[in-house]
C-alpha atoms as a PDB file:
ATOM      1  CA  MET A   1      24.458   9.092   0.666  1.00  0.00           C
ATOM      2  CA  ASN A   2      23.383   5.433   0.842  1.00  0.00           C
ATOM      3  CA  ILE A   3      19.771   4.234   0.865  1.00  0.00           C
ATOM      4  CA  HIS A   4      19.680   3.882   4.673  1.00  0.00           C
ATOM      5  CA  GLN A   5      20.823   7.478   5.109  1.00  0.00           C
ATOM      6  CA  VAL A   6      18.153   8.625   2.649  1.00  0.00           C
ATOM      7  CA  PHE A   7      15.445   6.756   4.630  1.00  0.00           C
ATOM      8  CA  LEU A   8      16.715   8.305   7.857  1.00  0.00           C
ATOM      9  CA  PHE A   9      16.768  11.818   6.401  1.00  0.00           C
ATOM     10  CA  LEU A  10      13.291  11.511   4.912  1.00  0.00           C
ATOM     11  CA  SER A  11      11.851  10.097   8.120  1.00  0.00           C
ATOM     12  CA  MET A  12      13.176  13.105  10.044  1.00  0.00           C
ATOM     13  CA  VAL A  13      11.558  15.572   7.631  1.00  0.00           C
ATOM     14  CA  LEU A  14       8.463  13.565   6.661  1.00  0.00           C
ATOM     15  CA  PRO A  15       7.883  10.858   9.267  1.00  0.00           C
ATOM     16  CA  TYR A  16       5.096   8.811   7.634  1.00  0.00           C
ATOM     17  CA  CYS A  17       5.762   6.498   4.719  1.00  0.00           C
ATOM     18  CA  VAL A  18       3.502   4.511   2.416  1.00  0.00           C
ATOM     19  CA  TYR A  19       5.354   1.824   0.513  1.00  0.00           C
ATOM     20  CA  VAL A  20       4.842  -0.881  -2.093  1.00  0.00           C
ATOM     21  CA  LEU A  21       6.766  -4.140  -2.005  1.00  0.00           C
ATOM     22  CA  GLN A  22       6.925  -6.869  -4.604  1.00  0.00           C
ATOM     23  CA  SER A  23       7.263 -10.505  -3.647  1.00  0.00           C
ATOM     24  CA  GLU A  24      10.088 -12.130  -5.575  1.00  0.00           C
ATOM     25  CA  LYS A  25       8.391 -15.459  -4.906  1.00  0.00           C
ATOM     26  CA  ASP A  26       4.897 -14.882  -6.371  1.00  0.00           C
ATOM     27  CA  PHE A  27       5.471 -11.397  -7.925  1.00  0.00           C
ATOM     28  CA  LEU A  28       2.429  -9.934  -6.146  1.00  0.00           C
ATOM     29  CA  LEU A  29       2.446  -6.446  -4.627  1.00  0.00           C
ATOM     30  CA  TYR A  30       1.978  -5.546  -0.962  1.00  0.00           C
ATOM     31  CA  HIS A  31       1.081  -2.036   0.282  1.00  0.00           C
ATOM     32  CA  GLY A  32       1.954  -0.769   3.736  1.00  0.00           C
ATOM     33  CA  PHE A  33       2.439   2.202   6.039  1.00  0.00           C
ATOM     34  CA  THR A  34       5.254   2.877   8.531  1.00  0.00           C
ATOM     35  CA  THR A  35       7.280   5.489  10.377  1.00  0.00           C
ATOM     36  CA  ASN A  36      10.524   3.522   9.901  1.00  0.00           C
ATOM     37  CA  LEU A  37      10.857   2.122   6.386  1.00  0.00           C
ATOM     38  CA  ASP A  38      14.300   0.597   6.867  1.00  0.00           C
ATOM     39  CA  LYS A  39      13.180  -1.387   9.930  1.00  0.00           C
ATOM     40  CA  ARG A  40       9.877  -2.325   8.279  1.00  0.00           C
ATOM     41  CA  LEU A  41      11.643  -3.760   5.224  1.00  0.00           C
ATOM     42  CA  LYS A  42      13.941  -5.793   7.465  1.00  0.00           C
ATOM     43  CA  ASP A  43      10.932  -7.074   9.434  1.00  0.00           C
ATOM     44  CA  HIS A  44       9.125  -8.094   6.240  1.00  0.00           C
ATOM     45  CA  ASN A  45      12.144  -9.988   4.933  1.00  0.00           C
ATOM     46  CA  ALA A  46      12.800 -11.621   8.312  1.00  0.00           C
ATOM     47  CA  GLY A  47       9.292 -13.098   8.269  1.00  0.00           C
ATOM     48  CA  LYS A  48       8.046 -10.975  11.174  1.00  0.00           C
ATOM     49  CA  THR A  49       4.964  -9.828   9.233  1.00  0.00           C
ATOM     50  CA  ILE A  50       2.274 -12.503   8.974  1.00  0.00           C
ATOM     51  CA  SER A  51       0.768 -11.191   5.727  1.00  0.00           C
ATOM     52  CA  THR A  52       4.075 -11.400   3.846  1.00  0.00           C
ATOM     53  CA  SER A  53       6.050 -14.066   5.701  1.00  0.00           C
ATOM     54  CA  LYS A  54       5.314 -16.763   3.082  1.00  0.00           C
ATOM     55  CA  ARG A  55       5.953 -14.369   0.191  1.00  0.00           C
ATOM     56  CA  ARG A  56       9.612 -13.602   0.928  1.00  0.00           C
ATOM     57  CA  PRO A  57      11.905 -12.247  -0.309  1.00  0.00           C
ATOM     58  CA  LEU A  58      10.337  -8.842  -0.862  1.00  0.00           C
ATOM     59  CA  LYS A  59      11.799  -5.778  -2.510  1.00  0.00           C
ATOM     60  CA  LEU A  60      10.803  -2.146  -2.284  1.00  0.00           C
ATOM     61  CA  ILE A  61       9.534  -0.794  -5.601  1.00  0.00           C
ATOM     62  CA  TYR A  62       7.862   2.451  -4.496  1.00  0.00           C
ATOM     63  CA  CYS A  63       7.416   4.740  -1.494  1.00  0.00           C
ATOM     64  CA  GLU A  64       5.924   8.127  -0.653  1.00  0.00           C
ATOM     65  CA  TYR A  65       6.576  10.223   2.460  1.00  0.00           C
ATOM     66  CA  PHE A  66       4.069  12.433   4.290  1.00  0.00           C
ATOM     67  CA  LEU A  67       4.078  14.988   7.084  1.00  0.00           C
ATOM     68  CA  SER A  68       0.594  13.933   8.209  1.00  0.00           C
ATOM     69  CA  LYS A  69      -0.227  10.456   9.515  1.00  0.00           C
ATOM     70  CA  GLU A  70      -3.803  10.846   8.291  1.00  0.00           C
ATOM     71  CA  ASP A  71      -2.666  11.643   4.729  1.00  0.00           C
ATOM     72  CA  ALA A  72      -0.353   8.628   4.696  1.00  0.00           C
ATOM     73  CA  MET A  73      -3.059   6.300   6.002  1.00  0.00           C
ATOM     74  CA  ARG A  74      -5.543   7.618   3.444  1.00  0.00           C
ATOM     75  CA  ARG A  75      -3.013   7.064   0.647  1.00  0.00           C
ATOM     76  CA  GLU A  76      -2.334   3.497   1.793  1.00  0.00           C
ATOM     77  CA  SER A  77      -6.083   2.805   1.867  1.00  0.00           C
ATOM     78  CA  TYR A  78      -6.412   4.261  -1.628  1.00  0.00           C
ATOM     79  CA  PHE A  79      -3.678   1.957  -2.977  1.00  0.00           C
ATOM     80  CA  LYS A  80      -5.756  -0.986  -1.774  1.00  0.00           C
ATOM     81  CA  THR A  81      -8.834   0.026  -3.798  1.00  0.00           C
ATOM     82  CA  THR A  82      -9.453  -1.075  -7.382  1.00  0.00           C
ATOM     83  CA  GLN A  83      -8.969   2.504  -8.606  1.00  0.00           C
ATOM     84  CA  GLY A  84      -5.795   2.903  -6.522  1.00  0.00           C
ATOM     85  CA  LYS A  85      -4.309  -0.347  -7.842  1.00  0.00           C
ATOM     86  CA  ARG A  86      -5.092   0.772 -11.392  1.00  0.00           C
ATOM     87  CA  MET A  87      -3.493   4.195 -10.816  1.00  0.00           C
ATOM     88  CA  LEU A  88      -0.405   2.635  -9.221  1.00  0.00           C
ATOM     89  CA  LYS A  89       0.022   0.272 -12.175  1.00  0.00           C
ATOM     90  CA  LEU A  90      -0.268   3.206 -14.603  1.00  0.00           C
ATOM     91  CA  MET A  91       2.126   5.337 -12.597  1.00  0.00           C
ATOM     92  CA  LEU A  92       4.676   2.518 -12.262  1.00  0.00           C
ATOM     93  CA  ARG A  93       4.168   0.937 -15.686  1.00  0.00           C
ATOM     94  CA  TYR A  94       7.855   1.068 -16.648  1.00  0.00           C
ATOM     95  CA  THR A  95       8.999  -0.144 -13.232  1.00  0.00           C
ATOM     96  CA  LEU A  96       6.526  -3.032 -13.360  1.00  0.00           C
ATOM     97  CA  LYS A  97       7.701  -3.903 -16.862  1.00  0.00           C
ATOM     98  CA  LYS A  98      11.334  -3.812 -15.735  1.00  0.00           C
ATOM     99  CA  ILE A  99      10.657  -6.178 -12.804  1.00  0.00           C
ATOM    100  CA  ASP A 100       8.563  -8.551 -14.967  1.00  0.00           C
ATOM    101  CA  TYR A 101       5.372  -7.925 -13.018  1.00  0.00           C
ATOM    102  CA  PRO A 102       2.661 -10.227 -14.416  1.00  0.00           C
ATOM    103  CA  ASN A 103       0.114  -8.341 -16.504  1.00  0.00           C
ATOM    104  CA  ARG A 104      -3.152  -9.124 -14.714  1.00  0.00           C
END
């Protein structure tokens, strides 16, 4: 099963996705929410998203899937708080180290 098939399968079972991208240009993280992760990633990297268009290329470093839209939106909002950013950095500490994320 390739990554696109995995995204498709997950979106059929759990339609709402919260994701974290890293800019390969400035190394900063971007958090988002979607019902079609594959398309959303393509849109980000094609410059169709204003908030990330100048930060391309972007790569997916984390995602979570949800059955409930409200749960997914709440999780995305949490990732954007100081506490959520801290938790995400703790949870992904080895991933962030592997991708040379700046220690800020």
